[in-house]
Amino acid sequence: MDLSAVRKYATSDRVVRVAVDAMGGDHGPAETVAGALAYATEHPAEEIILVGDEARIHAAAGSALPANTRIVHATEVVDMEDHPAAAVRRKRDASINVCMRLVRDGVADAVVTAGHTGAAVAAAILLLRRLPGVDRPALAVQLTTARGPFVLLDIGATTDSTGHNLAQYARMGALYAERVLDVPRPSVALLSIGEESGKGEARVQEATERLAASDLNFIGNVEGRHLVEHVADVVVCDAAVGNVTIKFFEGLSSFILRDLLRREFERDLRGRLAYLLLRPGIARIREVFDYEKLGGSPLLGVRGTVLITHGRARRRMISYAVAVGAHAARARIPQAIADAFRYESPGAAAGPGGAAGPMAAAAEPVADAAPDPADVSPAETAS
């Protein structure tokens, strides 16, 4: 999620309270706390709530906390080896659970975590609950191309999506593109093994039929090679496909910018001279592919603002993630999705603007029903 884009659609300049899972991530709490404190120092009007082991957080901070920062103690942590849904239920005082309860109870406005993606999704479903009409949440990411950014989802929220789930992801992604990317009528595509409507898995074919009959601006199926060409504003796929795709993007950009170019420029004197001439342009290219500035991925479809950042995130990316989480809370994206799904009923489905359309799905009384165990099976992929 791009920070400048989210800031444009913030509905107010109200002070927001961001709960940061201090124990999450490969480098927590040291890097997580450092990144959160960097943001807190630069934004004294905001409130940062560090959630986790109080003694370890104080040790990571190394000095007195800023006046706008406080600690909420949590005695447990969901480890990467844990089964996400089981751990969330068993470790009730885990830092990610405490973060979600702070949002649920109105103590915080957003959650930022670099921890176990599956656990974060499970905790959001169990404690915040899904928005009415949303069957499964989806993780979205904003990717950059030469022709501008596009939204890819789902990149790791829930496995085994149905065609109906993919169609719902498309609507949430279209709404997100409208509100964050400022695209009036975003084009939507399904990621598949071929452009023809008859290709792909059964769920992709079902989603194709649903979207073709909807009021979304559906342009059909696209292949992986089309992603860098920005053929659509929103590209929808299953969590496993999305997770592999986003990590391939990360790995490829790192290989080109860090390994391939360095090897060529360091090969001989001509290469080193060429680097001196091209350095400004290379710096601009690095800026385009600087994924740390995206902060993290919003979890769309739950009753609250949840931002999941990279498990390997260090302090710089954590600071960006907190900033994006704060501005996303102001943008009230969950409320916008709730409005879009408000009129959903059996045999009808709302588009991004809330008008009923022919894409069928049954509304769900989330607040009154316990989560379906089948829906609390998040993709067990590393964040």
Protein backbone atom coordinates (compact mmCIF):
# COMPACT_ATOMS: atom_id res chain seq x y z
CA MET A 1 0.00 0.00 0.00
CA ASP A 2 1.56 3.28 -1.06
CA LEU A 3 1.64 5.86 1.73
CA SER A 4 1.05 8.93 -0.43
CA ALA A 5 -1.97 7.34 -2.06
CA VAL A 6 -3.57 6.41 1.25
CA ARG A 7 -2.94 9.87 2.66
CA LYS A 8 -4.98 11.46 -0.16
CA TYR A 9 -8.08 9.54 0.88
CA ALA A 10 -7.84 9.99 4.61
CA THR A 11 -11.17 11.33 5.78
CA SER A 12 -9.73 13.46 8.56
CA ASP A 13 -6.57 14.46 10.35
CA ARG A 14 -7.76 12.87 13.58
CA VAL A 15 -5.16 11.34 15.85
CA VAL A 16 -5.03 7.58 15.42
CA ARG A 17 -3.76 4.89 17.74
CA VAL A 18 -1.70 2.12 16.17
CA ALA A 19 -1.13 -1.16 17.98
CA VAL A 20 2.20 -2.64 16.92
CA ASP A 21 2.90 -6.33 17.43
CA ALA A 22 6.34 -5.80 18.94
CA MET A 23 7.12 -9.51 19.11
CA GLY A 24 6.29 -10.31 15.49
CA GLY A 25 8.74 -10.87 12.66
CA ASP A 26 12.18 -12.37 12.25
CA HIS A 27 13.80 -9.37 13.96
CA GLY A 28 11.31 -8.61 16.72
CA PRO A 29 11.30 -7.05 19.16
CA ALA A 30 14.56 -5.16 18.44
CA GLU A 31 13.84 -3.93 14.91
CA THR A 32 10.09 -3.75 15.41
CA VAL A 33 10.43 -1.53 18.45
CA ALA A 34 13.09 0.63 16.77
CA GLY A 35 10.88 1.20 13.73
CA ALA A 36 7.80 1.99 15.79
CA LEU A 37 9.74 4.41 17.99
CA ALA A 38 11.18 6.14 14.93
CA TYR A 39 7.65 6.79 13.71
CA ALA A 40 6.50 7.87 17.18
CA THR A 41 9.33 10.38 17.46
CA GLU A 42 8.54 11.89 14.06
CA HIS A 43 4.78 12.01 14.75
CA PRO A 44 4.33 13.15 18.36
CA ALA A 45 0.58 13.69 17.87
CA GLU A 46 -0.02 10.00 17.12
CA GLU A 47 -0.26 7.26 19.73
CA ILE A 48 1.78 4.08 19.42
CA ILE A 49 0.92 1.03 21.50
CA LEU A 50 3.71 -1.55 21.67
CA VAL A 51 2.26 -4.96 22.44
CA GLY A 52 4.42 -7.76 23.80
CA ASP A 53 6.77 -8.73 26.61
CA GLU A 54 7.24 -5.50 28.56
CA ALA A 55 10.76 -6.27 29.77
CA ARG A 56 11.99 -7.18 26.28
CA ILE A 57 10.36 -4.09 24.78
CA HIS A 58 12.05 -1.83 27.33
CA ALA A 59 15.36 -3.56 26.63
CA ALA A 60 14.91 -3.07 22.89
CA ALA A 61 14.01 0.60 23.38
CA GLY A 62 17.18 1.20 25.37
CA SER A 63 15.87 4.42 26.91
CA ALA A 64 12.68 6.07 28.07
CA LEU A 65 9.76 5.77 25.68
CA PRO A 66 8.41 8.88 23.93
CA ALA A 67 5.41 10.49 25.59
CA ASN A 68 3.09 9.23 22.84
CA THR A 69 4.14 5.59 23.25
CA ARG A 70 3.00 3.03 25.78
CA ILE A 71 3.30 -0.70 26.31
CA VAL A 72 0.54 -3.27 26.67
CA HIS A 73 2.02 -6.43 28.13
CA ALA A 74 1.42 -9.76 26.42
CA THR A 75 2.82 -12.98 27.84
CA GLU A 76 2.79 -15.17 24.73
CA VAL A 77 3.98 -15.17 21.12
CA VAL A 78 2.79 -17.11 18.08
CA ASP A 79 5.90 -18.70 16.60
CA MET A 80 6.43 -19.40 12.92
CA GLU A 81 6.34 -23.14 13.67
CA ASP A 82 2.87 -22.91 15.23
CA HIS A 83 -0.28 -23.87 13.37
CA PRO A 84 -1.88 -20.42 13.01
CA ALA A 85 -5.53 -21.03 13.91
CA ALA A 86 -4.69 -23.49 16.70
CA ALA A 87 -2.06 -21.18 18.18
CA VAL A 88 -4.40 -18.19 18.12
CA ARG A 89 -7.01 -20.18 20.05
CA ARG A 90 -4.51 -21.75 22.46
CA LYS A 91 -2.30 -18.72 23.14
CA ARG A 92 -4.99 -16.29 24.16
CA ASP A 93 -2.47 -13.78 25.50
CA ALA A 94 -0.31 -13.84 22.37
CA SER A 95 0.78 -10.39 21.23
CA ILE A 96 -1.19 -10.62 17.96
CA ASN A 97 -4.37 -11.52 19.86
CA VAL A 98 -3.91 -8.63 22.25
CA CYS A 99 -3.43 -6.26 19.29
CA MET A 100 -6.69 -7.42 17.70
CA ARG A 101 -8.60 -7.06 20.96
CA LEU A 102 -7.33 -3.49 21.31
CA VAL A 103 -8.90 -2.66 17.93
CA ARG A 104 -12.05 -4.63 18.68
CA ASP A 105 -12.53 -2.80 21.98
CA GLY A 106 -11.88 0.64 20.50
CA VAL A 107 -8.56 1.15 22.28
CA ALA A 108 -6.59 1.17 19.00
CA ASP A 109 -7.51 2.11 15.43
CA ALA A 110 -5.13 -0.17 13.52
CA VAL A 111 -2.89 -3.20 13.93
CA VAL A 112 0.56 -3.52 12.37
CA THR A 113 2.37 -6.85 12.51
CA ALA A 114 5.40 -8.48 10.93
CA GLY A 115 4.53 -11.78 12.55
CA HIS A 116 3.05 -15.03 11.30
CA THR A 117 0.71 -14.12 8.42
CA GLY A 118 -1.59 -17.05 9.08
CA ALA A 119 -1.87 -16.19 12.76
CA ALA A 120 -2.62 -12.54 11.99
CA VAL A 121 -5.39 -13.53 9.58
CA ALA A 122 -6.82 -16.09 12.01
CA ALA A 123 -6.76 -13.59 14.88
CA ALA A 124 -8.49 -10.97 12.74
CA ILE A 125 -11.24 -13.42 11.73
CA LEU A 126 -11.76 -14.76 15.25
CA LEU A 127 -11.55 -11.49 17.18
CA LEU A 128 -12.46 -8.68 14.77
CA ARG A 129 -14.79 -10.86 12.67
CA ARG A 130 -15.51 -10.58 8.99
CA LEU A 131 -17.55 -7.73 7.59
CA PRO A 132 -21.18 -8.66 6.87
CA GLY A 133 -21.43 -10.30 3.47
CA VAL A 134 -17.70 -11.08 3.21
CA ASP A 135 -17.04 -14.81 3.23
CA ARG A 136 -13.25 -14.62 3.42
CA PRO A 137 -10.79 -11.76 3.80
CA ALA A 138 -7.97 -11.17 1.32
CA LEU A 139 -4.48 -9.71 1.54
CA ALA A 140 -3.79 -7.07 -1.07
CA VAL A 141 -0.53 -5.60 -2.30
CA GLN A 142 0.22 -2.67 -4.56
CA LEU A 143 2.79 -3.46 -7.26
CA THR A 144 4.55 -0.95 -9.50
CA THR A 145 4.86 -1.07 -13.29
CA ALA A 146 6.05 1.41 -15.93
CA ARG A 147 2.39 2.32 -16.52
CA GLY A 148 1.53 2.80 -12.87
CA PRO A 149 0.55 0.66 -9.88
CA PHE A 150 -1.97 -2.15 -9.73
CA VAL A 151 -3.50 -4.19 -6.91
CA LEU A 152 -2.87 -7.93 -6.57
CA LEU A 153 -4.96 -10.08 -4.23
CA ASP A 154 -5.13 -12.55 -2.49
CA ILE A 155 -1.44 -12.94 -1.65
CA GLY A 156 -1.73 -15.18 1.40
CA ALA A 157 -4.83 -14.78 3.56
CA THR A 158 -6.79 -18.02 3.02
CA THR A 159 -6.20 -21.15 1.00
CA ASP A 160 -8.57 -23.14 -1.20
CA SER A 161 -10.63 -20.21 -2.41
CA THR A 162 -13.78 -20.92 -4.41
CA GLY A 163 -14.95 -19.10 -7.51
CA HIS A 164 -17.33 -17.15 -5.30
CA ASN A 165 -14.44 -16.14 -3.02
CA LEU A 166 -12.41 -14.92 -5.99
CA ALA A 167 -15.38 -12.86 -7.17
CA GLN A 168 -15.62 -11.25 -3.73
CA TYR A 169 -11.89 -10.52 -3.76
CA ALA A 170 -12.43 -8.76 -7.08
CA ARG A 171 -15.04 -6.47 -5.58
CA MET A 172 -12.94 -5.63 -2.55
CA GLY A 173 -9.91 -5.05 -4.77
CA ALA A 174 -11.90 -2.80 -7.10
CA LEU A 175 -13.13 -0.75 -4.17
CA TYR A 176 -9.60 -0.51 -2.81
CA ALA A 177 -8.31 0.66 -6.20
CA GLU A 178 -11.05 3.29 -6.36
CA ARG A 179 -10.33 4.63 -2.90
CA VAL A 180 -6.54 4.33 -2.77
CA LEU A 181 -5.33 4.48 -6.38
CA ASP A 182 -7.97 7.01 -7.44
CA VAL A 183 -9.17 4.88 -10.38
CA PRO A 184 -12.82 5.80 -11.12
CA ARG A 185 -13.78 2.47 -12.70
CA PRO A 186 -10.90 0.06 -12.14
CA SER A 187 -10.40 -2.76 -14.61
CA VAL A 188 -10.41 -6.23 -13.04
CA ALA A 189 -8.75 -9.42 -14.30
CA LEU A 190 -8.25 -12.99 -13.10
CA LEU A 191 -4.74 -14.43 -13.06
CA SER A 192 -4.82 -17.73 -14.94
CA ILE A 193 -2.79 -20.04 -17.17
CA GLY A 194 -4.31 -18.57 -20.31
CA GLU A 195 -6.34 -15.63 -21.53
CA GLU A 196 -9.19 -17.79 -22.82
CA SER A 197 -12.19 -18.02 -20.49
CA GLY A 198 -12.23 -21.82 -20.66
CA LYS A 199 -8.70 -22.20 -19.30
CA GLY A 200 -7.62 -22.53 -15.70
CA GLU A 201 -8.92 -24.29 -12.63
CA ALA A 202 -12.61 -24.86 -12.04
CA ARG A 203 -12.71 -22.02 -9.49
CA VAL A 204 -11.15 -19.63 -12.00
CA GLN A 205 -13.73 -20.61 -14.60
CA GLU A 206 -16.53 -20.14 -12.06
CA ALA A 207 -15.15 -16.73 -11.05
CA THR A 208 -14.91 -15.78 -14.72
CA GLU A 209 -18.61 -16.48 -15.19
CA ARG A 210 -19.55 -14.56 -12.04
CA LEU A 211 -17.44 -11.54 -12.90
CA ALA A 212 -18.54 -11.48 -16.54
CA ALA A 213 -22.13 -11.21 -15.29
CA SER A 214 -21.31 -8.56 -12.67
CA ASP A 215 -21.26 -4.78 -12.88
CA LEU A 216 -17.49 -4.70 -12.37
CA ASN A 217 -15.21 -3.63 -15.21
CA PHE A 218 -14.06 -7.20 -15.82
CA ILE A 219 -11.67 -7.58 -18.76
CA GLY A 220 -11.13 -11.35 -18.56
CA ASN A 221 -8.16 -13.53 -17.71
CA VAL A 222 -4.50 -12.54 -17.81
CA GLU A 223 -1.28 -14.54 -17.66
CA GLY A 224 1.68 -13.95 -15.39
CA ARG A 225 3.63 -12.21 -18.16
CA HIS A 226 0.95 -9.53 -18.33
CA LEU A 227 1.44 -8.33 -14.76
CA VAL A 228 4.39 -6.08 -15.58
CA GLU A 229 2.43 -4.56 -18.46
CA HIS A 230 -0.34 -3.20 -16.22
CA VAL A 231 -3.16 -4.72 -18.24
CA ALA A 232 -5.57 -4.32 -15.30
CA ASP A 233 -5.91 -2.15 -12.20
CA VAL A 234 -6.88 -5.16 -10.08
CA VAL A 235 -5.63 -8.73 -10.58
CA VAL A 236 -7.28 -11.51 -8.58
CA CYS A 237 -5.90 -14.94 -7.73
CA ASP A 238 -5.85 -17.64 -5.07
CA ALA A 239 -3.61 -17.12 -2.04
CA ALA A 240 -1.03 -19.72 -3.06
CA VAL A 241 -0.66 -18.26 -6.55
CA GLY A 242 -0.54 -14.72 -5.19
CA ASN A 243 2.05 -15.54 -2.55
CA VAL A 244 4.34 -17.24 -5.06
CA THR A 245 3.87 -14.33 -7.47
CA ILE A 246 4.72 -11.58 -5.00
CA LYS A 247 7.78 -13.43 -3.71
CA PHE A 248 8.99 -14.03 -7.25
CA PHE A 249 8.66 -10.28 -7.90
CA GLU A 250 10.70 -9.55 -4.78
CA GLY A 251 13.37 -12.10 -5.62
CA LEU A 252 13.68 -11.05 -9.26
CA SER A 253 14.01 -7.34 -8.47
CA SER A 254 16.63 -8.12 -5.84
CA PHE A 255 18.55 -10.34 -8.26
CA ILE A 256 18.58 -7.71 -11.00
CA LEU A 257 19.38 -4.68 -8.86
CA ARG A 258 21.68 -6.23 -6.29
CA ASP A 259 23.38 -9.16 -7.99
CA LEU A 260 23.24 -8.82 -11.77
CA LEU A 261 23.99 -5.11 -12.09
CA ARG A 262 26.68 -5.21 -9.42
CA ARG A 263 28.41 -8.12 -11.11
CA GLU A 264 28.42 -6.35 -14.47
CA PHE A 265 29.56 -2.98 -13.14
CA GLU A 266 32.34 -4.53 -11.07
CA ARG A 267 33.59 -6.70 -13.93
CA ASP A 268 36.22 -4.27 -15.23
CA LEU A 269 37.20 -0.60 -15.48
CA ARG A 270 34.65 0.12 -18.22
CA GLY A 271 31.91 -1.27 -16.02
CA ARG A 272 32.94 0.92 -13.09
CA LEU A 273 33.04 3.99 -15.33
CA ALA A 274 29.64 3.10 -16.74
CA TYR A 275 28.27 2.88 -13.21
CA LEU A 276 29.46 6.40 -12.43
CA LEU A 277 27.59 7.69 -15.47
CA LEU A 278 24.45 5.64 -14.82
CA ARG A 279 24.32 6.01 -11.04
CA PRO A 280 21.53 8.64 -10.97
CA GLY A 281 19.33 6.50 -13.21
CA ILE A 282 20.06 3.36 -11.22
CA ALA A 283 19.13 5.20 -8.03
CA ARG A 284 15.77 6.12 -9.57
CA ILE A 285 15.18 2.51 -10.59
CA ARG A 286 16.02 1.32 -7.08
CA GLU A 287 13.50 3.82 -5.76
CA VAL A 288 10.78 2.30 -7.94
CA PHE A 289 11.52 -1.20 -6.65
CA ASP A 290 11.97 -0.18 -3.01
CA TYR A 291 9.32 -2.49 -1.57
CA GLU A 292 10.05 -1.32 1.98
CA LYS A 293 8.24 1.94 1.21
CA LEU A 294 5.01 0.05 0.59
CA GLY A 295 4.93 -0.70 4.32
CA GLY A 296 2.79 -3.80 4.11
CA SER A 297 -0.39 -5.42 2.89
CA PRO A 298 -3.88 -4.51 4.12
CA LEU A 299 -6.19 -7.35 5.11
CA LEU A 300 -9.45 -6.52 3.36
CA GLY A 301 -12.79 -7.82 4.58
CA VAL A 302 -12.48 -7.70 8.38
CA ARG A 303 -13.92 -5.24 10.89
CA GLY A 304 -10.83 -3.19 11.46
CA THR A 305 -7.64 -1.91 9.88
CA VAL A 306 -5.00 -4.64 9.83
CA LEU A 307 -1.66 -4.22 8.07
CA ILE A 308 0.64 -7.23 7.67
CA THR A 309 4.20 -6.39 6.75
CA HIS A 310 7.11 -8.58 5.69
CA GLY A 311 8.42 -11.10 8.20
CA ARG A 312 11.96 -9.95 7.40
CA ALA A 313 11.07 -6.28 7.90
CA ARG A 314 13.63 -4.17 9.70
CA ARG A 315 13.14 -0.80 11.37
CA ARG A 316 12.81 1.26 8.18
CA MET A 317 10.03 -0.90 6.75
CA ILE A 318 8.35 -1.14 10.17
CA SER A 319 8.28 2.65 10.37
CA TYR A 320 6.66 2.83 6.92
CA ALA A 321 4.20 0.13 7.94
CA VAL A 322 3.12 2.10 11.00
CA ALA A 323 2.68 5.21 8.86
CA VAL A 324 0.58 3.34 6.32
CA GLY A 325 -1.46 1.74 9.09
CA ALA A 326 -2.21 5.14 10.59
CA HIS A 327 -3.30 6.66 7.30
CA ALA A 328 -5.27 3.56 6.32
CA ALA A 329 -7.22 3.89 9.56
CA ARG A 330 -8.11 7.45 8.60
CA ALA A 331 -9.18 6.31 5.13
CA ARG A 332 -11.79 4.01 6.73
CA ILE A 333 -11.39 1.30 4.13
CA PRO A 334 -13.28 -1.32 6.20
CA GLN A 335 -16.27 1.01 6.41
CA ALA A 336 -16.20 1.51 2.64
CA ILE A 337 -16.14 -2.25 2.04
CA ALA A 338 -18.97 -2.71 4.52
CA ASP A 339 -21.05 -0.16 2.62
CA ALA A 340 -20.33 -1.94 -0.68
CA PHE A 341 -21.41 -5.31 0.73
CA ARG A 342 -24.36 -3.94 2.70
CA TYR A 343 -26.93 -4.76 0.04
CA GLU A 344 -25.63 -8.21 -0.71
CA SER A 345 -28.26 -10.94 -0.54
CA PRO A 346 -28.84 -14.39 -2.04
CA GLY A 347 -28.95 -13.97 -5.81
CA ALA A 348 -27.44 -10.48 -5.82
CA ALA A 349 -24.14 -8.83 -5.17
CA ALA A 350 -23.03 -5.26 -4.73
CA GLY A 351 -20.37 -3.70 -6.89
CA PRO A 352 -17.84 -1.22 -5.54
CA GLY A 353 -20.44 1.51 -5.53
CA GLY A 354 -22.93 -0.58 -3.59
CA ALA A 355 -25.42 -1.15 -6.42
CA ALA A 356 -26.93 -4.61 -6.56
CA GLY A 357 -25.72 -6.81 -9.37
CA PRO A 358 -26.09 -10.40 -10.52
CA MET A 359 -23.03 -11.81 -8.73
CA ALA A 360 -24.61 -14.10 -6.12
CA ALA A 361 -23.53 -14.44 -2.49
CA ALA A 362 -25.34 -14.80 0.81
CA ALA A 363 -24.94 -12.14 3.47
CA GLU A 364 -23.47 -13.43 6.72
CA PRO A 365 -24.42 -12.30 10.25
CA VAL A 366 -20.80 -12.08 11.34
CA ALA A 367 -21.45 -10.35 14.61
CA ASP A 368 -23.87 -13.01 15.80
CA ALA A 369 -22.16 -16.17 14.62
CA ALA A 370 -18.91 -17.87 15.53
CA PRO A 371 -16.45 -18.03 12.66
CA ASP A 372 -16.76 -21.06 10.44
CA PRO A 373 -13.76 -23.31 11.21
CA ALA A 374 -13.35 -23.84 7.48
CA ASP A 375 -12.80 -20.12 7.08
CA VAL A 376 -10.12 -19.99 9.76
CA SER A 377 -7.57 -21.95 7.79
CA PRO A 378 -5.20 -19.17 6.72
CA ALA A 379 -2.51 -19.86 4.20
CA GLU A 380 0.48 -21.02 6.21
CA THR A 381 2.96 -18.97 4.25
CA ALA A 382 5.70 -16.87 5.75
CA SER A 383 4.91 -13.20 5.77
